[in-house]
Amino acid sequence: MAVIVVIFRDYFIFQIFLKAMMIVAAVIIIGTIPFNTVAKRQAEFLNEVIIMLVLYNMICFSPVVTDYEAKHKIGYFCCFVVASHLFINLYFILST
Protein backbone atom coordinates (compact mmCIF):
# COMPACT_ATOMS: atom_id res chain seq x y z
CA MET A 1 0.00 0.00 0.00
CA ALA A 2 2.83 2.38 0.82
CA VAL A 3 4.43 1.62 -2.54
CA ILE A 4 1.21 2.61 -4.30
CA VAL A 5 1.15 5.93 -2.46
CA VAL A 6 4.79 6.68 -3.29
CA ILE A 7 4.74 5.57 -6.93
CA PHE A 8 1.48 7.35 -7.79
CA ARG A 9 1.97 10.45 -5.62
CA ASP A 10 1.03 12.76 -8.50
CA TYR A 11 -2.24 10.91 -9.20
CA PHE A 12 -4.36 11.27 -6.06
CA ILE A 13 -7.56 9.82 -7.53
CA PHE A 14 -5.63 6.77 -8.72
CA GLN A 15 -4.31 6.25 -5.18
CA ILE A 16 -7.84 6.29 -3.78
CA PHE A 17 -9.05 3.90 -6.49
CA LEU A 18 -6.24 1.42 -5.84
CA LYS A 19 -6.77 1.52 -2.08
CA ALA A 20 -10.48 0.82 -2.54
CA MET A 21 -9.75 -2.04 -4.94
CA MET A 22 -7.29 -3.55 -2.46
CA ILE A 23 -10.02 -3.60 0.17
CA VAL A 24 -12.53 -5.12 -2.24
CA ALA A 25 -10.01 -7.80 -3.22
CA ALA A 26 -9.31 -8.60 0.45
CA VAL A 27 -13.03 -8.98 1.19
CA ILE A 28 -13.47 -11.26 -1.83
CA ILE A 29 -10.52 -13.38 -0.74
CA ILE A 30 -11.89 -13.60 2.81
CA GLY A 31 -15.27 -14.65 1.42
CA THR A 32 -13.74 -17.61 -0.42
CA ILE A 33 -11.56 -18.91 2.43
CA PRO A 34 -13.24 -21.74 4.38
CA PHE A 35 -13.12 -20.87 8.08
CA ASN A 36 -13.76 -23.33 10.90
CA THR A 37 -16.21 -21.05 12.68
CA VAL A 38 -18.42 -18.11 11.87
CA ALA A 39 -16.63 -16.05 14.54
CA LYS A 40 -13.37 -16.21 12.61
CA ARG A 41 -15.08 -15.01 9.44
CA GLN A 42 -16.73 -12.16 11.34
CA ALA A 43 -13.39 -11.19 12.86
CA GLU A 44 -11.80 -11.04 9.42
CA PHE A 45 -14.63 -8.89 8.08
CA LEU A 46 -14.30 -6.61 11.13
CA ASN A 47 -10.58 -6.23 10.45
CA GLU A 48 -11.20 -5.31 6.82
CA VAL A 49 -13.86 -2.75 7.77
CA ILE A 50 -11.50 -1.12 10.29
CA ILE A 51 -8.73 -1.01 7.68
CA MET A 52 -11.16 0.59 5.27
CA LEU A 53 -12.09 3.26 7.84
CA VAL A 54 -8.44 4.03 8.53
CA LEU A 55 -7.61 4.27 4.83
CA TYR A 56 -10.47 6.64 4.17
CA ASN A 57 -9.34 8.72 7.14
CA MET A 58 -5.86 8.91 5.65
CA ILE A 59 -7.33 10.51 2.53
CA CYS A 60 -8.24 13.49 4.70
CA PHE A 61 -4.55 14.13 5.39
CA SER A 62 -3.88 14.82 1.72
CA PRO A 63 -3.51 18.32 0.25
CA VAL A 64 -7.22 18.21 -0.70
CA VAL A 65 -8.15 19.14 2.88
CA THR A 66 -6.53 22.48 3.67
CA ASP A 67 -8.06 23.11 7.10
CA TYR A 68 -5.50 22.12 9.74
CA GLU A 69 -8.09 22.13 12.53
CA ALA A 70 -10.14 19.54 10.63
CA LYS A 71 -7.01 17.43 10.09
CA HIS A 72 -6.33 17.63 13.83
CA LYS A 73 -9.82 16.37 14.71
CA ILE A 74 -9.70 13.66 12.06
CA GLY A 75 -6.33 12.58 13.46
CA TYR A 76 -7.85 12.02 16.88
CA PHE A 77 -10.68 10.00 15.33
CA CYS A 78 -8.15 7.92 13.38
CA CYS A 79 -6.18 7.27 16.59
CA PHE A 80 -9.42 6.20 18.30
CA VAL A 81 -10.28 3.78 15.47
CA VAL A 82 -6.78 2.24 15.49
CA ALA A 83 -6.75 1.92 19.30
CA SER A 84 -10.20 0.34 19.38
CA HIS A 85 -9.16 -2.07 16.63
CA LEU A 86 -6.13 -3.05 18.68
CA PHE A 87 -8.17 -3.60 21.85
CA ILE A 88 -10.84 -5.62 20.04
CA ASN A 89 -8.24 -7.92 18.50
CA LEU A 90 -6.40 -8.27 21.81
CA TYR A 91 -9.70 -9.20 23.45
CA PHE A 92 -10.30 -11.90 20.83
CA ILE A 93 -6.76 -13.21 21.24
CA LEU A 94 -6.84 -13.27 25.02
CA SER A 95 -10.34 -14.74 25.20
CA THR A 96 -9.29 -17.78 23.20
C-alpha atoms as a PDB file:
ATOM      1  CA  MET A   1       0.000   0.000   0.000  1.00  0.00           C
ATOM      2  CA  ALA A   2       2.835   2.383   0.821  1.00  0.00           C
ATOM      3  CA  VAL A   3       4.431   1.615  -2.542  1.00  0.00           C
ATOM      4  CA  ILE A   4       1.208   2.613  -4.296  1.00  0.00           C
ATOM      5  CA  VAL A   5       1.145   5.932  -2.460  1.00  0.00           C
ATOM      6  CA  VAL A   6       4.791   6.675  -3.290  1.00  0.00           C
ATOM      7  CA  ILE A   7       4.741   5.574  -6.926  1.00  0.00           C
ATOM      8  CA  PHE A   8       1.485   7.350  -7.787  1.00  0.00           C
ATOM      9  CA  ARG A   9       1.974  10.450  -5.623  1.00  0.00           C
ATOM     10  CA  ASP A  10       1.027  12.757  -8.500  1.00  0.00           C
ATOM     11  CA  TYR A  11      -2.242  10.913  -9.197  1.00  0.00           C
ATOM     12  CA  PHE A  12      -4.357  11.271  -6.057  1.00  0.00           C
ATOM     13  CA  ILE A  13      -7.558   9.824  -7.532  1.00  0.00           C
ATOM     14  CA  PHE A  14      -5.629   6.766  -8.721  1.00  0.00           C
ATOM     15  CA  GLN A  15      -4.307   6.246  -5.177  1.00  0.00           C
ATOM     16  CA  ILE A  16      -7.844   6.293  -3.777  1.00  0.00           C
ATOM     17  CA  PHE A  17      -9.054   3.904  -6.487  1.00  0.00           C
ATOM     18  CA  LEU A  18      -6.236   1.417  -5.844  1.00  0.00           C
ATOM     19  CA  LYS A  19      -6.774   1.520  -2.075  1.00  0.00           C
ATOM     20  CA  ALA A  20     -10.478   0.819  -2.536  1.00  0.00           C
ATOM     21  CA  MET A  21      -9.754  -2.042  -4.945  1.00  0.00           C
ATOM     22  CA  MET A  22      -7.289  -3.555  -2.459  1.00  0.00           C
ATOM     23  CA  ILE A  23     -10.021  -3.599   0.174  1.00  0.00           C
ATOM     24  CA  VAL A  24     -12.530  -5.124  -2.241  1.00  0.00           C
ATOM     25  CA  ALA A  25     -10.008  -7.804  -3.218  1.00  0.00           C
ATOM     26  CA  ALA A  26      -9.313  -8.597   0.449  1.00  0.00           C
ATOM     27  CA  VAL A  27     -13.026  -8.977   1.191  1.00  0.00           C
ATOM     28  CA  ILE A  28     -13.468 -11.259  -1.834  1.00  0.00           C
ATOM     29  CA  ILE A  29     -10.523 -13.382  -0.742  1.00  0.00           C
ATOM     30  CA  ILE A  30     -11.895 -13.600   2.806  1.00  0.00           C
ATOM     31  CA  GLY A  31     -15.268 -14.654   1.425  1.00  0.00           C
ATOM     32  CA  THR A  32     -13.739 -17.606  -0.423  1.00  0.00           C
ATOM     33  CA  ILE A  33     -11.558 -18.912   2.429  1.00  0.00           C
ATOM     34  CA  PRO A  34     -13.241 -21.739   4.376  1.00  0.00           C
ATOM     35  CA  PHE A  35     -13.120 -20.868   8.083  1.00  0.00           C
ATOM     36  CA  ASN A  36     -13.760 -23.327  10.903  1.00  0.00           C
ATOM     37  CA  THR A  37     -16.212 -21.047  12.685  1.00  0.00           C
ATOM     38  CA  VAL A  38     -18.423 -18.106  11.874  1.00  0.00           C
ATOM     39  CA  ALA A  39     -16.631 -16.046  14.538  1.00  0.00           C
ATOM     40  CA  LYS A  40     -13.368 -16.214  12.608  1.00  0.00           C
ATOM     41  CA  ARG A  41     -15.078 -15.007   9.442  1.00  0.00           C
ATOM     42  CA  GLN A  42     -16.732 -12.156  11.336  1.00  0.00           C
ATOM     43  CA  ALA A  43     -13.389 -11.190  12.864  1.00  0.00           C
ATOM     44  CA  GLU A  44     -11.802 -11.043   9.422  1.00  0.00           C
ATOM     45  CA  PHE A  45     -14.626  -8.885   8.083  1.00  0.00           C
ATOM     46  CA  LEU A  46     -14.299  -6.607  11.126  1.00  0.00           C
ATOM     47  CA  ASN A  47     -10.582  -6.233  10.451  1.00  0.00           C
ATOM     48  CA  GLU A  48     -11.204  -5.311   6.819  1.00  0.00           C
ATOM     49  CA  VAL A  49     -13.857  -2.746   7.766  1.00  0.00           C
ATOM     50  CA  ILE A  50     -11.504  -1.125  10.287  1.00  0.00           C
ATOM     51  CA  ILE A  51      -8.726  -1.012   7.682  1.00  0.00           C
ATOM     52  CA  MET A  52     -11.163   0.594   5.266  1.00  0.00           C
ATOM     53  CA  LEU A  53     -12.093   3.257   7.837  1.00  0.00           C
ATOM     54  CA  VAL A  54      -8.438   4.029   8.528  1.00  0.00           C
ATOM     55  CA  LEU A  55      -7.609   4.271   4.827  1.00  0.00           C
ATOM     56  CA  TYR A  56     -10.474   6.641   4.172  1.00  0.00           C
ATOM     57  CA  ASN A  57      -9.337   8.723   7.145  1.00  0.00           C
ATOM     58  CA  MET A  58      -5.855   8.910   5.649  1.00  0.00           C
ATOM     59  CA  ILE A  59      -7.329  10.514   2.531  1.00  0.00           C
ATOM     60  CA  CYS A  60      -8.239  13.488   4.696  1.00  0.00           C
ATOM     61  CA  PHE A  61      -4.554  14.133   5.392  1.00  0.00           C
ATOM     62  CA  SER A  62      -3.878  14.817   1.720  1.00  0.00           C
ATOM     63  CA  PRO A  63      -3.514  18.320   0.246  1.00  0.00           C
ATOM     64  CA  VAL A  64      -7.215  18.209  -0.700  1.00  0.00           C
ATOM     65  CA  VAL A  65      -8.151  19.140   2.884  1.00  0.00           C
ATOM     66  CA  THR A  66      -6.530  22.482   3.666  1.00  0.00           C
ATOM     67  CA  ASP A  67      -8.056  23.109   7.103  1.00  0.00           C
ATOM     68  CA  TYR A  68      -5.502  22.120   9.743  1.00  0.00           C
ATOM     69  CA  GLU A  69      -8.089  22.126  12.530  1.00  0.00           C
ATOM     70  CA  ALA A  70     -10.136  19.537  10.630  1.00  0.00           C
ATOM     71  CA  LYS A  71      -7.013  17.427  10.092  1.00  0.00           C
ATOM     72  CA  HIS A  72      -6.333  17.633  13.826  1.00  0.00           C
ATOM     73  CA  LYS A  73      -9.824  16.372  14.710  1.00  0.00           C
ATOM     74  CA  ILE A  74      -9.699  13.665  12.057  1.00  0.00           C
ATOM     75  CA  GLY A  75      -6.332  12.580  13.455  1.00  0.00           C
ATOM     76  CA  TYR A  76      -7.855  12.022  16.881  1.00  0.00           C
ATOM     77  CA  PHE A  77     -10.683  10.000  15.330  1.00  0.00           C
ATOM     78  CA  CYS A  78      -8.149   7.919  13.383  1.00  0.00           C
ATOM     79  CA  CYS A  79      -6.184   7.273  16.589  1.00  0.00           C
ATOM     80  CA  PHE A  80      -9.421   6.197  18.304  1.00  0.00           C
ATOM     81  CA  VAL A  81     -10.276   3.780  15.474  1.00  0.00           C
ATOM     82  CA  VAL A  82      -6.783   2.238  15.493  1.00  0.00           C
ATOM     83  CA  ALA A  83      -6.750   1.915  19.302  1.00  0.00           C
ATOM     84  CA  SER A  84     -10.204   0.339  19.378  1.00  0.00           C
ATOM     85  CA  HIS A  85      -9.160  -2.074  16.634  1.00  0.00           C
ATOM     86  CA  LEU A  86      -6.130  -3.051  18.682  1.00  0.00           C
ATOM     87  CA  PHE A  87      -8.168  -3.597  21.847  1.00  0.00           C
ATOM     88  CA  ILE A  88     -10.844  -5.621  20.043  1.00  0.00           C
ATOM     89  CA  ASN A  89      -8.240  -7.918  18.502  1.00  0.00           C
ATOM     90  CA  LEU A  90      -6.396  -8.268  21.813  1.00  0.00           C
ATOM     91  CA  TYR A  91      -9.704  -9.201  23.450  1.00  0.00           C
ATOM     92  CA  PHE A  92     -10.295 -11.903  20.833  1.00  0.00           C
ATOM     93  CA  ILE A  93      -6.759 -13.209  21.238  1.00  0.00           C
ATOM     94  CA  LEU A  94      -6.837 -13.275  25.024  1.00  0.00           C
ATOM     95  CA  SER A  95     -10.342 -14.741  25.197  1.00  0.00           C
ATOM     96  CA  THR A  96      -9.292 -17.785  23.197  1.00  0.00           C
END
